[in-house]
Amino acid sequence: MGMSQRLLLIEDTATLQMIYCANLVGAGYEVDVASSGAQGLEKFQSNSNYVVIMDLFLPDMDGVEVIRKLVQENPQAKIIVITSNGSVNRAVEAMRAGAFDFLLKPFSDERLLATVSLAQESVEARPEIDLETGNFYGFLGRGPIMQDMYRKIMRIAPSTAPVFVIGERGAGKDTCARAIHDHSCLLYTSDAADD
């Protein structure tokens, strides 16, 4: 892997911290651990971790708020959210705030590693798309609003979560859906042979 294999884990339950860490370190990752939202944000700033694994329920801060701050700090951050079964709505909120994917407890070690691996790959797969020219999957326009939308599409595309595109008639929902689909295909073509 080309880029840093350093991960940031934000989890306040000590036993879970140990389990996740052992699993990730065993797979060859370096893991920074934080037990609170504030500590996580601090470690994120000093190490610029691209991939963050975090529990949504933290003792000091709302998890969704932490996600917003991480994304503000580094829009390239891939944040994997850990949530329990009863809080799928929170997971949706987290995705809206900019999370890359979510893990529903209880999940297997394999599921954790597979999700981290996808996040890591999508950090490294910098697509050859020129946002500046506004030539982006059939979209035209390079103003700040369009640039923002292109970035959102690039952030959403790698996730396995379903995406619902809404907007007025003629707003370009089809183009948007196609862009998300095409961009996810671009990222996953290397895995297509396994399907």
Protein backbone atom coordinates (compact mmCIF):
# COMPACT_ATOMS: atom_id res chain seq x y z
CA MET A 1 0.00 0.00 0.00
CA GLY A 2 1.39 3.34 -1.02
CA MET A 3 0.12 5.56 1.74
CA SER A 4 0.27 5.51 5.50
CA GLN A 5 -1.14 2.36 7.02
CA ARG A 6 -1.68 4.25 10.22
CA LEU A 7 -5.22 4.15 11.57
CA LEU A 8 -6.95 6.08 14.31
CA LEU A 9 -9.31 4.19 16.59
CA ILE A 10 -11.70 6.23 18.74
CA GLU A 11 -13.35 3.86 21.21
CA ASP A 12 -14.07 4.43 24.90
CA THR A 13 -14.62 0.80 25.95
CA ALA A 14 -11.22 -0.62 26.97
CA THR A 15 -12.01 -4.26 26.11
CA LEU A 16 -13.25 -3.33 22.62
CA GLN A 17 -10.20 -1.11 22.13
CA MET A 18 -7.99 -4.12 22.86
CA ILE A 19 -9.94 -6.47 20.56
CA TYR A 20 -10.02 -4.05 17.59
CA CYS A 21 -6.37 -3.10 18.11
CA ALA A 22 -5.14 -6.69 18.28
CA ASN A 23 -7.03 -7.47 15.09
CA LEU A 24 -5.75 -4.41 13.18
CA VAL A 25 -2.16 -4.66 14.40
CA GLY A 26 -2.23 -8.36 13.49
CA ALA A 27 -3.18 -7.33 9.95
CA GLY A 28 -0.16 -5.02 9.73
CA TYR A 29 -1.68 -1.64 10.61
CA GLU A 30 -0.25 0.89 13.04
CA VAL A 31 -3.03 2.05 15.34
CA ASP A 32 -3.34 5.25 17.34
CA VAL A 33 -5.96 4.92 20.06
CA ALA A 34 -8.18 7.59 21.58
CA SER A 35 -10.79 7.07 24.32
CA SER A 36 -12.83 10.23 23.68
CA GLY A 37 -13.92 12.51 20.86
CA ALA A 38 -11.63 15.33 22.02
CA GLN A 39 -8.62 13.01 22.27
CA GLY A 40 -9.45 11.58 18.84
CA LEU A 41 -9.56 15.03 17.23
CA GLU A 42 -6.25 15.92 18.86
CA LYS A 43 -4.52 12.75 17.62
CA PHE A 44 -6.07 13.18 14.17
CA GLN A 45 -4.57 16.67 13.85
CA SER A 46 -1.10 15.59 14.88
CA ASN A 47 -0.94 12.45 12.73
CA SER A 48 -3.25 13.28 9.82
CA ASN A 49 -4.66 9.75 9.80
CA TYR A 50 -6.64 9.13 6.65
CA VAL A 51 -8.62 6.17 7.99
CA VAL A 52 -10.51 6.56 11.26
CA ILE A 53 -12.55 3.87 13.01
CA MET A 54 -14.84 5.30 15.64
CA ASP A 55 -17.69 4.42 17.93
CA LEU A 56 -20.66 6.73 17.50
CA PHE A 57 -21.31 6.81 21.25
CA LEU A 58 -18.49 8.65 22.95
CA PRO A 59 -18.41 9.87 26.55
CA ASP A 60 -17.63 13.51 25.84
CA MET A 61 -18.98 14.40 22.39
CA ASP A 62 -21.63 13.42 19.89
CA GLY A 63 -20.10 11.05 17.34
CA VAL A 64 -21.70 12.84 14.38
CA GLU A 65 -20.19 16.11 15.60
CA VAL A 66 -16.75 14.42 15.75
CA ILE A 67 -17.21 13.23 12.14
CA ARG A 68 -18.05 16.76 10.98
CA LYS A 69 -14.90 18.10 12.64
CA LEU A 70 -12.70 15.35 11.17
CA VAL A 71 -14.06 15.98 7.66
CA GLN A 72 -13.58 19.72 8.09
CA GLU A 73 -9.98 19.09 9.14
CA ASN A 74 -9.34 16.72 6.22
CA PRO A 75 -12.02 16.12 3.56
CA GLN A 76 -10.05 13.06 2.36
CA ALA A 77 -10.55 11.29 5.71
CA LYS A 78 -12.27 7.92 5.49
CA ILE A 79 -14.30 7.44 8.64
CA ILE A 80 -15.70 4.04 9.56
CA VAL A 81 -18.43 4.26 12.15
CA ILE A 82 -19.22 1.53 14.68
CA THR A 83 -22.82 1.48 15.80
CA SER A 84 -25.23 -0.88 17.50
CA ASN A 85 -28.29 -2.42 15.95
CA GLY A 86 -30.84 -0.10 17.50
CA SER A 87 -29.27 3.01 15.99
CA VAL A 88 -29.33 2.66 12.23
CA ASN A 89 -30.69 6.23 12.05
CA ARG A 90 -27.49 7.42 13.70
CA ALA A 91 -25.48 5.55 11.10
CA VAL A 92 -27.43 7.33 8.35
CA GLU A 93 -26.75 10.65 10.08
CA ALA A 94 -23.08 9.72 10.27
CA MET A 95 -23.00 8.96 6.52
CA ARG A 96 -24.60 12.33 5.82
CA ALA A 97 -21.96 14.02 7.96
CA GLY A 98 -19.28 12.42 5.79
CA ALA A 99 -18.59 8.92 7.14
CA PHE A 100 -17.25 6.42 4.60
CA ASP A 101 -19.04 3.33 5.88
CA PHE A 102 -20.46 1.80 9.03
CA LEU A 103 -20.11 -1.44 10.95
CA LEU A 104 -23.12 -2.77 12.82
CA LYS A 105 -22.27 -4.50 16.11
CA PRO A 106 -21.64 -7.37 16.47
CA PHE A 107 -19.34 -7.73 13.44
CA SER A 108 -16.63 -10.24 12.63
CA ASP A 109 -12.89 -9.54 12.53
CA GLU A 110 -13.03 -10.21 8.79
CA ARG A 111 -15.73 -7.59 8.28
CA LEU A 112 -13.66 -5.01 10.19
CA LEU A 113 -10.53 -5.73 8.16
CA ALA A 114 -12.41 -5.80 4.84
CA THR A 115 -14.00 -2.40 5.56
CA VAL A 116 -10.68 -0.87 6.64
CA SER A 117 -9.01 -2.30 3.55
CA LEU A 118 -11.65 -0.72 1.27
CA ALA A 119 -11.27 2.62 3.03
CA GLN A 120 -7.49 2.42 2.66
CA GLU A 121 -7.78 1.58 -1.06
CA SER A 122 -10.15 4.46 -1.72
CA VAL A 123 -7.68 6.84 -0.03
CA GLU A 124 -5.01 5.59 -2.40
CA ALA A 125 -7.15 5.44 -5.56
CA ARG A 126 -6.88 9.07 -6.51
CA PRO A 127 -8.99 9.08 -9.67
CA GLU A 128 -7.71 10.88 -12.74
CA ILE A 129 -10.57 13.34 -12.88
CA ASP A 130 -9.98 17.03 -13.26
CA LEU A 131 -12.36 18.79 -10.93
CA GLU A 132 -11.04 22.17 -12.09
CA THR A 133 -12.18 21.82 -15.70
CA GLY A 134 -15.64 20.80 -14.56
CA ASN A 135 -15.40 17.72 -16.77
CA PHE A 136 -16.79 15.23 -14.30
CA TYR A 137 -18.89 12.23 -15.42
CA GLY A 138 -21.09 14.26 -17.76
CA PHE A 139 -21.52 17.22 -15.41
CA LEU A 140 -20.65 20.69 -16.62
CA GLY A 141 -19.64 23.53 -14.35
CA ARG A 142 -16.75 24.32 -12.11
CA GLY A 143 -18.19 26.82 -9.63
CA PRO A 144 -17.76 26.22 -5.89
CA ILE A 145 -21.19 24.54 -5.58
CA MET A 146 -20.40 22.07 -8.38
CA GLN A 147 -16.89 21.43 -6.98
CA ASP A 148 -18.51 20.63 -3.65
CA MET A 149 -20.92 18.22 -5.31
CA TYR A 150 -18.11 16.45 -7.23
CA ARG A 151 -16.25 15.95 -3.96
CA LYS A 152 -19.38 14.55 -2.30
CA ILE A 153 -19.86 12.08 -5.17
CA MET A 154 -16.23 10.96 -4.86
CA ARG A 155 -16.67 10.50 -1.13
CA ILE A 156 -19.96 8.59 -1.38
CA ALA A 157 -19.04 6.30 -4.30
CA PRO A 158 -16.78 3.83 -2.43
CA SER A 159 -19.33 3.12 0.31
CA THR A 160 -21.48 0.01 0.31
CA ALA A 161 -24.39 1.96 1.82
CA PRO A 162 -27.42 2.65 -0.41
CA VAL A 163 -27.58 6.19 -1.79
CA PHE A 164 -30.84 8.06 -2.37
CA VAL A 165 -30.55 10.97 -4.82
CA ILE A 166 -33.25 13.63 -4.51
CA GLY A 167 -33.85 16.91 -6.30
CA GLU A 168 -36.24 18.81 -8.53
CA ARG A 169 -37.04 17.74 -12.07
CA GLY A 170 -34.18 18.50 -14.40
CA ALA A 171 -31.70 18.97 -11.56
CA GLY A 172 -29.49 16.15 -12.87
CA LYS A 173 -30.40 13.25 -10.58
CA ASP A 174 -29.71 10.71 -13.35
CA THR A 175 -26.31 12.20 -14.08
CA CYS A 176 -25.55 12.20 -10.37
CA ALA A 177 -26.61 8.56 -9.89
CA ARG A 178 -24.57 7.55 -12.94
CA ALA A 179 -21.53 9.44 -11.62
CA ILE A 180 -21.75 7.65 -8.26
CA HIS A 181 -22.10 4.30 -10.03
CA ASP A 182 -19.30 4.93 -12.54
CA HIS A 183 -16.95 6.25 -9.88
CA SER A 184 -17.53 3.21 -7.65
CA CYS A 185 -16.85 0.98 -10.67
CA LEU A 186 -13.60 2.86 -11.28
CA LEU A 187 -12.53 2.10 -7.71
CA TYR A 188 -13.61 -1.54 -7.75
CA THR A 189 -12.59 -2.74 -11.22
CA SER A 190 -9.62 -4.53 -9.66
CA ASP A 191 -11.99 -6.62 -7.53
CA ALA A 192 -14.49 -7.35 -10.32
CA ALA A 193 -12.94 -10.73 -11.10
CA ASP A 194 -13.97 -12.09 -7.69
CA ASP A 195 -17.70 -11.48 -8.20
